[in-house]
Amino acid sequence: MTQAQRVKTALQRARLSSLDLARMLNLADPRAVIRDLRKSGVNVCSEWKKANGKTFKIYWIWDTPTQNNSAEC
């Protein structure tokens, strides 16, 4: 299974940060894989989150666009 297939499967199952993806899938740069998925037409949504004084993006894949205005799909 390719990196793109592994990331796509993970994001279809849960909302994950790039750090989550890197740890789960042993990837050096999951953001590059997400960029490539988007270029290939996959609807990868993202949203900025704040926790413990840190700001980061959460990614996920939905088959239909979200109604949440703060999310990018």
Protein backbone atom coordinates (compact mmCIF):
# COMPACT_ATOMS: atom_id res chain seq x y z
CA MET A 1 0.00 0.00 0.00
CA THR A 2 1.39 3.43 -0.95
CA GLN A 3 1.78 6.33 1.46
CA ALA A 4 -1.11 8.10 -0.24
CA GLN A 5 -3.37 5.07 0.14
CA ARG A 6 -2.42 4.72 3.82
CA VAL A 7 -3.06 8.41 4.56
CA LYS A 8 -6.34 8.38 2.63
CA THR A 9 -7.58 5.35 4.57
CA ALA A 10 -6.57 6.89 7.91
CA LEU A 11 -8.27 10.22 7.12
CA GLN A 12 -11.46 8.48 6.02
CA ARG A 13 -11.64 6.86 9.47
CA ALA A 14 -10.68 9.76 11.76
CA ARG A 15 -9.71 13.41 12.07
CA LEU A 16 -5.94 13.51 12.52
CA SER A 17 -3.11 16.02 12.77
CA SER A 18 0.06 15.71 10.69
CA LEU A 19 1.85 14.60 13.86
CA ASP A 20 -0.76 11.86 14.40
CA LEU A 21 -0.27 10.69 10.81
CA ALA A 22 3.52 10.79 11.08
CA ARG A 23 3.47 8.67 14.22
CA MET A 24 0.74 6.23 13.14
CA LEU A 25 2.03 5.64 9.63
CA ASN A 26 5.75 6.26 10.16
CA LEU A 27 5.85 9.12 7.65
CA ALA A 28 8.45 11.87 7.47
CA ASP A 29 6.16 14.50 5.90
CA PRO A 30 2.44 13.66 5.87
CA ARG A 31 1.59 17.22 4.75
CA ALA A 32 3.27 16.50 1.39
CA VAL A 33 1.16 13.37 1.00
CA ILE A 34 -1.98 15.40 1.83
CA ARG A 35 -0.97 18.00 -0.77
CA ASP A 36 -0.55 15.25 -3.39
CA LEU A 37 -3.94 13.74 -2.47
CA ARG A 38 -5.58 17.13 -2.96
CA LYS A 39 -3.84 17.58 -6.32
CA SER A 40 -5.21 14.20 -7.40
CA GLY A 41 -8.76 15.34 -6.57
CA VAL A 42 -9.30 13.85 -3.11
CA ASN A 43 -11.48 16.08 -0.90
CA VAL A 44 -9.18 16.47 2.13
CA CYS A 45 -10.73 18.85 4.65
CA SER A 46 -8.73 20.75 7.24
CA GLU A 47 -9.37 22.98 10.21
CA TRP A 48 -7.10 24.96 12.53
CA LYS A 49 -7.25 23.90 16.21
CA LYS A 50 -5.71 25.31 19.39
CA ALA A 51 -4.78 23.11 22.34
CA ASN A 52 -2.25 23.52 25.13
CA GLY A 53 -1.01 26.80 23.67
CA LYS A 54 -0.27 25.20 20.28
CA THR A 55 -1.99 25.81 16.95
CA PHE A 56 -2.19 22.99 14.40
CA LYS A 57 -4.34 21.63 11.61
CA ILE A 58 -6.62 18.62 11.79
CA TYR A 59 -7.27 16.75 8.52
CA TRP A 60 -10.03 14.40 7.43
CA ILE A 61 -11.79 13.13 4.31
CA TRP A 62 -15.54 13.39 3.79
CA ASP A 63 -17.38 12.26 0.70
CA THR A 64 -19.52 15.42 0.86
CA PRO A 65 -18.40 18.97 1.73
CA THR A 66 -18.80 20.11 5.31
CA GLN A 67 -21.21 22.82 6.43
CA ASN A 68 -18.67 24.09 8.98
CA ASN A 69 -17.51 27.53 7.80
CA SER A 70 -14.14 27.31 9.58
CA ALA A 71 -13.14 24.14 7.73
CA GLU A 72 -11.39 24.10 4.34
CA CYS A 73 -12.52 21.32 2.02
